Each structure stands twice: as C-alpha cells, then as structure tokens.
N, C-alpha and C. Protein backbone atom coordinates (compact mmCIF):
# COMPACT_ATOMS: atom_id res chain seq x y z
N UNK A 1 0.89 -1.04 -0.05
CA UNK A 1 -0.07 -0.34 -0.06
C UNK A 1 0.74 1.37 0.36
N UNK A 2 1.41 1.29 1.32
CA UNK A 2 2.86 2.36 0.34
C UNK A 2 3.36 2.91 -0.76
N UNK A 3 3.94 1.49 -1.61
CA UNK A 3 4.77 1.83 -2.86
C UNK A 3 3.32 2.64 -3.07
N UNK A 4 2.19 2.61 -3.77
CA UNK A 4 0.61 2.75 -4.48
C UNK A 4 0.44 4.20 -3.98
N UNK A 5 0.23 4.30 -3.52
CA UNK A 5 0.34 6.21 -2.46
C UNK A 5 1.36 6.40 -2.80
N UNK A 6 3.05 6.49 -2.88
CA UNK A 6 3.57 6.61 -2.93
C UNK A 6 4.11 7.85 -4.99
N UNK A 7 2.93 6.08 -5.33
CA UNK A 7 2.96 6.44 -7.23
C UNK A 7 2.45 8.20 -7.21
N UNK A 8 1.48 8.24 -6.09
CA UNK A 8 0.10 8.88 -6.48
C UNK A 8 1.11 10.04 -6.01
N UNK A 9 1.94 10.30 -5.15
CA UNK A 9 2.37 11.43 -5.05
C UNK A 9 3.58 11.40 -5.62
N UNK A 10 4.04 10.90 -6.49
CA UNK A 10 5.45 11.21 -7.73
C UNK A 10 4.64 11.68 -8.57
N UNK A 11 3.38 10.62 -9.28
CA UNK A 11 2.82 11.76 -10.64
C UNK A 11 2.11 13.32 -9.93
N UNK A 12 2.04 13.46 -9.02
CA UNK A 12 0.71 14.51 -8.59
C UNK A 12 1.87 15.85 -8.79
N UNK A 13 2.98 14.79 -8.03
CA UNK A 13 3.46 16.34 -7.92
C UNK A 13 4.99 16.93 -9.46
N UNK A 14 4.72 15.44 -10.18
CA UNK A 14 5.23 15.89 -11.57
C UNK A 14 4.29 16.32 -12.54
N UNK A 15 2.87 16.19 -12.01
CA UNK A 15 2.07 17.06 -12.96
C UNK A 15 1.82 18.38 -12.66
N UNK A 16 1.89 18.98 -11.29
CA UNK A 16 2.08 20.01 -10.57
C UNK A 16 3.61 20.89 -11.34
N UNK A 17 4.85 20.18 -11.33
CA UNK A 17 5.75 20.70 -12.02
C UNK A 17 5.20 21.22 -13.25
N UNK A 18 5.24 20.05 -13.75
CA UNK A 18 4.80 20.35 -15.65
C UNK A 18 3.80 20.88 -15.30
N UNK A 19 2.76 21.27 -14.82
CA UNK A 19 1.67 22.97 -15.26
C UNK A 19 2.47 24.28 -14.66
N UNK A 20 3.02 24.24 -13.79
CA UNK A 20 3.90 24.96 -13.09
C UNK A 20 4.40 26.14 -14.46
N UNK A 21 5.61 25.22 -14.88
CA UNK A 21 6.10 25.29 -16.05
C UNK A 21 5.54 26.24 -17.21
N UNK A 22 4.08 24.72 -17.43
CA UNK A 22 3.70 25.57 -19.26
C UNK A 22 3.21 26.93 -18.49
N UNK A 23 2.37 27.38 -17.88
CA UNK A 23 1.73 28.75 -16.96
C UNK A 23 3.00 29.58 -17.19
N UNK A 24 4.21 29.70 -16.63
CA UNK A 24 5.77 30.93 -16.65
C UNK A 24 6.12 30.26 -17.99
N UNK A 25 5.73 29.79 -18.77
CA UNK A 25 5.91 30.06 -20.20
C UNK A 25 5.47 30.37 -20.80
N UNK A 26 3.84 30.01 -20.58
CA UNK A 26 2.53 30.64 -21.88
C UNK A 26 2.61 32.11 -20.64
N UNK A 27 2.44 32.47 -19.42
CA UNK A 27 2.87 33.88 -19.17
C UNK A 27 4.33 34.43 -19.58
N UNK A 28 4.93 34.12 -19.87
CA UNK A 28 6.16 34.60 -20.24
C UNK A 28 6.11 35.19 -21.77
N UNK A 29 5.36 34.15 -22.51
CA UNK A 29 5.48 34.06 -24.25
C UNK A 29 4.89 35.75 -23.85
N UNK A 30 3.17 35.46 -23.57
CA UNK A 30 2.21 36.14 -23.68
C UNK A 30 3.16 37.73 -23.23
N UNK A 31 3.73 37.60 -22.82
CA UNK A 31 4.13 39.73 -21.53
C UNK A 31 5.44 40.09 -22.99
N UNK A 32 5.76 39.02 -23.45
CA UNK A 32 7.03 39.53 -24.82
C UNK A 32 5.59 39.81 -26.56
N UNK A 33 4.29 39.59 -26.96
CA UNK A 33 3.79 39.41 -27.22
C UNK A 33 3.31 40.61 -26.98
N UNK A 34 3.46 41.45 -26.09
CA UNK A 34 2.14 42.15 -25.74
C UNK A 34 3.20 43.46 -25.87
N UNK A 35 4.66 43.21 -25.72
CA UNK A 35 5.82 44.47 -25.63
C UNK A 35 5.83 44.36 -27.21
N UNK A 36 6.06 43.57 -27.54
CA UNK A 36 6.99 43.82 -28.95
C UNK A 36 6.44 44.57 -30.09
N UNK A 37 7.84 45.40 -30.50
CA UNK A 37 7.38 46.73 -31.17
C UNK A 37 9.46 45.84 -31.80
N UNK A 38 8.13 45.86 -33.42
CA UNK A 38 8.97 45.46 -34.57
C UNK A 38 9.90 46.80 -34.56
N UNK A 39 11.12 46.95 -34.67
CA UNK A 39 12.01 47.79 -35.43
C UNK A 39 11.80 48.92 -37.14
N UNK A 40 11.53 47.60 -37.36
CA UNK A 40 11.14 48.13 -38.75
C UNK A 40 10.05 48.95 -39.11
N UNK A 41 9.44 49.09 -38.70
CA UNK A 41 8.11 49.94 -38.85
C UNK A 41 8.43 51.45 -38.61
N UNK A 42 9.47 51.88 -37.28
CA UNK A 42 9.84 52.30 -37.02
C UNK A 42 11.27 53.09 -37.42
N UNK A 43 11.14 54.31 -37.70
CA UNK A 43 12.94 54.86 -37.52
C UNK A 43 13.28 55.17 -36.42
N UNK A 44 14.43 54.73 -35.57
CA UNK A 44 14.91 54.49 -34.68
C UNK A 44 16.59 55.23 -34.58
N UNK A 45 16.75 55.90 -33.87
CA UNK A 45 18.15 56.67 -34.33
C UNK A 45 18.87 56.53 -32.60
N UNK A 46 19.67 56.18 -32.39
CA UNK A 46 20.31 55.68 -31.19
C UNK A 46 21.13 57.14 -30.50
N UNK A 47 20.47 57.98 -29.12
CA UNK A 47 21.66 58.79 -28.89
C UNK A 47 22.41 58.99 -27.40
N UNK A 48 23.01 59.81 -26.78
CA UNK A 48 23.96 59.74 -25.63
C UNK A 48 22.96 59.48 -24.46
N UNK A 49 22.29 58.69 -23.59
CA UNK A 49 20.98 58.61 -21.97
C UNK A 49 21.45 60.02 -21.57
N UNK A 50 20.99 60.06 -20.45
CA UNK A 50 20.11 60.79 -19.39
C UNK A 50 21.55 62.45 -20.61
N UNK A 51 19.63 62.95 -20.91
CA UNK A 51 20.46 64.50 -21.37
C UNK A 51 18.96 64.38 -21.25
N UNK A 52 18.95 66.14 -21.64
CA UNK A 52 17.46 66.76 -21.25
C UNK A 52 17.21 66.54 -22.39
N UNK A 53 15.80 67.17 -22.48
CA UNK A 53 14.77 66.32 -23.92
C UNK A 53 15.33 68.15 -24.93
N UNK A 54 15.95 69.24 -24.61
CA UNK A 54 15.99 70.11 -25.39
C UNK A 54 17.32 69.66 -26.70
N UNK A 55 17.92 68.35 -25.76
CA UNK A 55 19.69 67.94 -26.29
C UNK A 55 18.96 67.96 -27.46
N UNK A 56 18.24 66.68 -27.70
CA UNK A 56 17.30 65.14 -28.31
C UNK A 56 16.70 66.40 -29.41
N UNK A 57 15.90 67.00 -29.55
CA UNK A 57 15.32 68.19 -30.14
C UNK A 57 16.69 68.95 -31.08
N UNK A 58 17.38 68.94 -30.47
CA UNK A 58 18.15 70.27 -30.98
C UNK A 58 19.49 69.57 -31.97
N UNK A 59 19.77 67.43 -31.69
CA UNK A 59 19.96 67.02 -32.55
C UNK A 59 19.82 67.09 -33.90
N UNK A 60 18.37 66.10 -33.23
CA UNK A 60 17.47 65.29 -34.20
C UNK A 60 16.92 66.49 -35.18
N UNK A 61 16.49 67.74 -35.01
CA UNK A 61 15.67 69.15 -35.73
C UNK A 61 17.20 69.70 -36.10
N UNK A 62 17.70 69.45 -36.97
CA UNK A 62 18.51 70.58 -37.58
C UNK A 62 18.06 71.39 -38.66
N UNK A 63 19.26 72.36 -38.94
CA UNK A 63 18.25 73.14 -40.03
C UNK A 63 17.49 73.39 -41.47
N UNK A 64 18.09 71.89 -42.21
CA UNK A 64 18.32 71.93 -42.89
C UNK A 64 16.64 70.55 -42.70
N UNK A 65 16.46 70.16 -41.53
CA UNK A 65 14.46 69.41 -41.88
C UNK A 65 14.38 69.91 -41.12
N UNK A 66 14.62 70.81 -40.48
CA UNK A 66 12.73 71.77 -39.86
C UNK A 66 13.02 72.77 -38.86
N UNK A 67 12.22 74.09 -38.43
CA UNK A 67 12.37 74.82 -37.42
C UNK A 67 12.38 74.37 -36.11
N UNK A 68 13.28 74.66 -35.70
CA UNK A 68 13.36 74.31 -34.50
C UNK A 68 11.80 74.88 -33.10
N UNK A 69 11.29 75.02 -31.72
CA UNK A 69 10.70 76.17 -31.36
C UNK A 69 9.80 76.59 -32.40
N UNK A 70 9.42 76.26 -32.68
CA UNK A 70 8.30 77.14 -33.47
C UNK A 70 7.35 77.79 -32.79
N UNK A 71 7.05 79.29 -32.47
CA UNK A 71 5.98 79.43 -31.82
C UNK A 71 4.81 79.96 -32.99
N UNK A 72 3.43 79.16 -32.22
CA UNK A 72 2.45 79.58 -32.93
C UNK A 72 1.62 81.05 -32.45
N UNK A 73 0.88 80.94 -33.36
CA UNK A 73 -0.38 82.02 -32.23
C UNK A 73 -0.47 82.89 -31.01
N UNK A 74 -0.90 81.69 -31.08
CA UNK A 74 -1.69 81.49 -28.92
C UNK A 74 -0.06 81.23 -28.03
N UNK A 75 1.29 81.36 -28.23
CA UNK A 75 2.41 81.16 -27.97
C UNK A 75 2.50 79.73 -27.90
N UNK A 76 1.92 78.64 -28.01
CA UNK A 76 2.55 77.73 -27.97
C UNK A 76 4.07 77.43 -28.85
N UNK A 77 4.25 76.40 -27.98
CA UNK A 77 5.46 75.83 -28.98
C UNK A 77 5.94 74.69 -29.82
N UNK A 78 5.54 74.94 -31.06
CA UNK A 78 5.69 73.07 -31.55
C UNK A 78 7.25 73.06 -31.92
N UNK A 79 7.70 71.48 -31.19
CA UNK A 79 9.13 70.95 -31.04
C UNK A 79 10.28 71.26 -32.03
N UNK A 80 9.13 70.65 -33.52
CA UNK A 80 10.40 71.35 -34.57
C UNK A 80 9.18 70.74 -35.44
N UNK A 81 9.35 72.22 -36.28
CA UNK A 81 8.05 71.58 -37.49
C UNK A 81 9.24 71.02 -38.56
N UNK A 82 8.62 70.94 -39.20
CA UNK A 82 9.16 70.41 -41.01
C UNK A 82 8.26 71.13 -41.70
N UNK A 83 8.95 70.21 -43.02
CA UNK A 83 7.81 70.70 -44.16
C UNK A 83 6.57 69.30 -44.77
N UNK A 84 6.81 69.03 -43.00
CA UNK A 84 5.64 67.93 -43.44
C UNK A 84 4.86 67.37 -42.23
N UNK A 85 5.57 67.26 -41.55
CA UNK A 85 5.15 67.56 -39.46
C UNK A 85 5.08 68.21 -38.87
N UNK A 86 4.29 68.25 -38.23
CA UNK A 86 4.57 69.15 -36.77
C UNK A 86 4.90 68.28 -35.59
N UNK A 87 5.65 68.28 -34.96
CA UNK A 87 6.56 67.40 -33.98
C UNK A 87 7.09 67.48 -33.12
N UNK A 88 6.45 66.54 -32.52
CA UNK A 88 6.66 66.84 -30.39
C UNK A 88 7.34 65.67 -29.59
N UNK A 89 8.19 66.05 -29.65
CA UNK A 89 9.62 65.55 -28.95
C UNK A 89 9.11 65.42 -27.35
N UNK A 90 8.71 63.93 -26.57
CA UNK A 90 8.69 63.90 -25.18
C UNK A 90 9.41 62.26 -24.67
N UNK A 91 9.88 62.42 -23.48
CA UNK A 91 10.25 61.36 -23.16
C UNK A 91 9.24 59.86 -23.33
N UNK A 92 9.28 57.84 -23.53
CA UNK A 92 8.09 57.91 -23.68
C UNK A 92 7.06 58.04 -22.91
N UNK A 93 7.72 58.15 -20.77
CA UNK A 93 6.69 57.62 -19.80
C UNK A 93 5.45 59.24 -20.45
N UNK A 94 5.82 60.52 -21.06
CA UNK A 94 4.31 60.82 -21.51
C UNK A 94 4.43 60.94 -23.05
N UNK A 95 3.99 59.89 -22.98
CA UNK A 95 3.65 59.48 -24.45
C UNK A 95 1.91 60.20 -24.48
N UNK A 96 1.23 60.18 -23.81
CA UNK A 96 -0.25 60.50 -24.27
C UNK A 96 -0.41 61.80 -23.89
N UNK A 97 0.64 62.64 -23.64
CA UNK A 97 0.96 64.29 -23.29
C UNK A 97 1.21 64.72 -24.52
N UNK A 98 2.55 63.67 -25.38
CA UNK A 98 3.48 64.02 -26.94
C UNK A 98 2.15 63.80 -27.60
N UNK A 99 1.61 62.50 -27.77
CA UNK A 99 -0.39 63.09 -28.54
C UNK A 99 -1.22 64.15 -29.03
N UNK A 100 -1.26 64.17 -28.17
CA UNK A 100 -2.55 65.68 -27.51
C UNK A 100 -1.75 66.95 -28.09
N UNK A 101 -0.55 67.37 -27.65
CA UNK A 101 0.25 68.08 -28.39
C UNK A 101 0.32 68.47 -29.34
N UNK A 102 0.56 67.23 -30.47
CA UNK A 102 0.75 66.88 -31.14
C UNK A 102 0.09 66.76 -32.62
N UNK A 103 -1.47 66.47 -32.17
CA UNK A 103 -2.38 66.59 -32.59
C UNK A 103 -3.21 68.10 -32.91
N UNK A 104 -3.05 68.88 -31.91
CA UNK A 104 -2.97 70.08 -31.93
C UNK A 104 -2.18 71.03 -33.06
N UNK A 105 -0.56 70.58 -32.58
CA UNK A 105 -0.16 71.95 -33.64
C UNK A 105 -0.33 70.79 -34.72
N UNK A 106 -0.16 70.02 -35.47
CA UNK A 106 -1.19 69.70 -36.82
C UNK A 106 -2.39 70.11 -37.09
N UNK A 107 -3.33 70.87 -36.25
CA UNK A 107 -4.45 71.29 -36.42
C UNK A 107 -4.22 72.36 -36.37
N UNK A 108 -3.26 72.91 -35.77
CA UNK A 108 -2.82 74.59 -35.23
C UNK A 108 -1.74 75.26 -37.47
N UNK A 109 -1.20 73.67 -37.74
CA UNK A 109 -0.45 74.23 -39.19
C UNK A 109 -0.83 74.09 -40.01
N UNK A 110 -1.49 73.14 -40.15
CA UNK A 110 -2.20 72.23 -41.54
C UNK A 110 -1.28 70.86 -42.02
N UNK A 111 -0.16 70.87 -40.93
CA UNK A 111 1.04 69.81 -41.13
C UNK A 111 0.11 68.06 -39.92
N UNK A 112 1.00 67.08 -41.03
CA UNK A 112 0.80 65.94 -39.98
C UNK A 112 1.46 66.16 -39.15
N UNK A 113 0.31 65.47 -38.00
CA UNK A 113 0.87 64.83 -36.81
C UNK A 113 2.23 63.82 -36.03
N UNK A 114 2.86 64.16 -35.54
CA UNK A 114 3.82 63.30 -35.17
C UNK A 114 4.48 63.03 -33.60
N UNK A 115 4.93 61.73 -34.05
CA UNK A 115 5.64 61.99 -32.05
C UNK A 115 7.35 61.27 -32.13
N UNK A 116 7.80 61.80 -30.95
CA UNK A 116 9.67 61.19 -31.38
C UNK A 116 9.61 61.15 -29.58
N UNK A 117 9.32 60.08 -29.40
CA UNK A 117 9.38 59.06 -28.30
C UNK A 117 10.96 59.09 -27.53
N UNK A 118 11.44 59.58 -26.66
CA UNK A 118 12.75 59.31 -25.85
C UNK A 118 12.74 57.57 -25.21
N UNK A 119 13.33 56.86 -25.78
CA UNK A 119 13.61 55.70 -25.12
C UNK A 119 14.70 55.27 -23.74
N UNK A 120 14.23 55.33 -22.35
CA UNK A 120 15.11 55.81 -22.06
C UNK A 120 16.04 53.96 -21.35
N UNK A 121 14.76 53.22 -21.72
CA UNK A 121 15.12 51.73 -21.45
C UNK A 121 14.43 51.24 -22.05
N UNK A 122 14.39 49.79 -22.00
CA UNK A 122 14.41 48.85 -22.13
C UNK A 122 12.43 48.60 -22.63
N UNK A 123 11.57 48.46 -21.45
CA UNK A 123 10.42 48.54 -20.95
C UNK A 123 9.45 49.71 -21.19
N UNK A 124 10.51 51.00 -21.81
CA UNK A 124 9.23 52.42 -22.24
C UNK A 124 8.88 51.32 -24.02
N UNK A 125 9.42 50.14 -24.70
CA UNK A 125 8.95 50.02 -25.88
C UNK A 125 7.26 49.38 -25.35
N UNK A 126 7.05 49.15 -24.85
CA UNK A 126 5.70 48.91 -24.08
C UNK A 126 4.39 50.62 -24.29
N UNK A 127 5.56 51.68 -24.21
CA UNK A 127 4.10 52.90 -24.73
C UNK A 127 4.54 53.53 -26.13
N UNK A 128 5.54 52.42 -26.81
CA UNK A 128 4.41 52.52 -28.20
C UNK A 128 3.27 52.25 -28.71
N UNK A 129 3.65 50.53 -27.42
CA UNK A 129 3.03 49.72 -28.56
C UNK A 129 1.63 50.88 -27.84
N UNK A 130 0.93 51.05 -27.27
CA UNK A 130 0.11 51.31 -26.54
C UNK A 130 -0.71 53.16 -27.73
N UNK A 131 0.30 54.12 -28.09
CA UNK A 131 0.25 54.50 -29.30
C UNK A 131 -0.12 53.37 -31.32
N UNK A 132 0.86 52.55 -30.85
CA UNK A 132 0.19 51.47 -32.48
C UNK A 132 -1.48 50.80 -31.84
N UNK A 133 -1.81 50.90 -30.20
CA UNK A 133 -3.02 50.16 -29.84
C UNK A 133 -3.84 51.29 -30.69
N UNK A 134 -3.35 52.93 -31.45
CA UNK A 134 -4.49 53.61 -31.11
C UNK A 134 -4.87 54.28 -33.16
N UNK A 135 -4.50 53.40 -33.54
CA UNK A 135 -4.02 52.62 -35.00
C UNK A 135 -4.85 54.12 -35.24
N UNK A 136 -3.89 55.35 -35.51
CA UNK A 136 -3.94 56.78 -35.81
C UNK A 136 -3.02 56.70 -37.27
N UNK A 137 -3.07 58.57 -37.59
CA UNK A 137 -2.43 58.71 -38.76
C UNK A 137 -1.44 59.43 -37.73
N UNK A 138 -1.03 59.20 -36.88
CA UNK A 138 0.71 59.93 -36.30
C UNK A 138 1.62 58.54 -36.23
N UNK A 139 2.45 59.96 -36.86
CA UNK A 139 4.22 59.80 -37.33
C UNK A 139 4.44 58.90 -35.84
N UNK A 140 5.38 58.39 -35.52
CA UNK A 140 6.08 57.63 -34.58
C UNK A 140 7.69 57.41 -35.17
N UNK A 141 8.79 58.67 -34.31
CA UNK A 141 9.75 58.09 -34.52
C UNK A 141 10.39 57.89 -33.08
N UNK A 142 11.05 57.23 -33.00
CA UNK A 142 11.52 57.13 -32.20
C UNK A 142 13.77 56.99 -31.70
N UNK A 143 13.81 58.00 -30.48
CA UNK A 143 15.51 57.58 -30.09
C UNK A 143 15.45 56.47 -28.98
N UNK A 144 16.82 55.98 -28.97
CA UNK A 144 17.35 55.04 -28.34
C UNK A 144 18.06 55.53 -27.42
N UNK A 145 17.82 56.01 -25.75
CA UNK A 145 18.68 56.71 -25.19
C UNK A 145 18.97 55.99 -23.84
N UNK A 146 19.21 54.56 -24.24
CA UNK A 146 19.60 53.67 -23.53
C UNK A 146 21.04 53.14 -23.54
C-alpha cells in the first residue's frame, strides 16, 4: 500500500511541476507579445543617454530638416516643424501628452502629426505599443537613449 500511494504523490508532483512550468512559459510568451515592437516599422536613432529633452530636439531637428521651437499665434511652441510634420518630442512615459500636443500642433499648422519618443530603457517600448493601439495617422519616430 505504501508503494501505490507514493506513486500517486510522484505523479501528482510531476503534474504540478509540469503545470507550473507551462504557465510560466505561457505567461512569458504573452508578455513578450504585448511589448514587442518590430524595429522595421519605426525610424529609430540612438543617442546619448540621460540628457534633457532639448538636447534630443537640437540633435534631431537640424536647420535643414525643420524649424525648432516654432511659435504659434497662441504662444504654444512646436518642438520641430518640418515640411510635412508638426513634431512633438517627449520621453516615452509621457506618450499620451505628446500625442495630444502633436495633434493640436498639426491642426494649427495644417501639417501631419508626429511624435518623437525618447526611450530611456528597454521597457519603454510598451508606450510605443500603446500608441500603436490607437490606430491613428500619427507618425512615430524613436530615439534610443540607453
């Protein structure tokens, strides 16, 4: 009798270990699919980490590309106004704010909206995924600063 019950416990322990392993792997795959952003879809540029937003604007929005700090009639400032886009720069954590500003600047200038998200860590790609879910016409540029 002792042997039969020990076989049951071994089977149960193996089943619990298998189930636990399966759930861990499945949750990891699910997490990766939520945060995966294919790099081919976005124009990505690497720059120095731990700099202020103004540094990235000055490095990215050169004089031959567009106008930096373009002032609108209501004293709001477009970070970069190019031939086609009204571009707002912001760190990835402020993704929602950058979208709103870009849409406003695009409406006021007659240009297309665009955002440049400054990614300071690998986990910031989840904010890019949030913008993707909006399915809007906002052009996204990425700066990797990590």
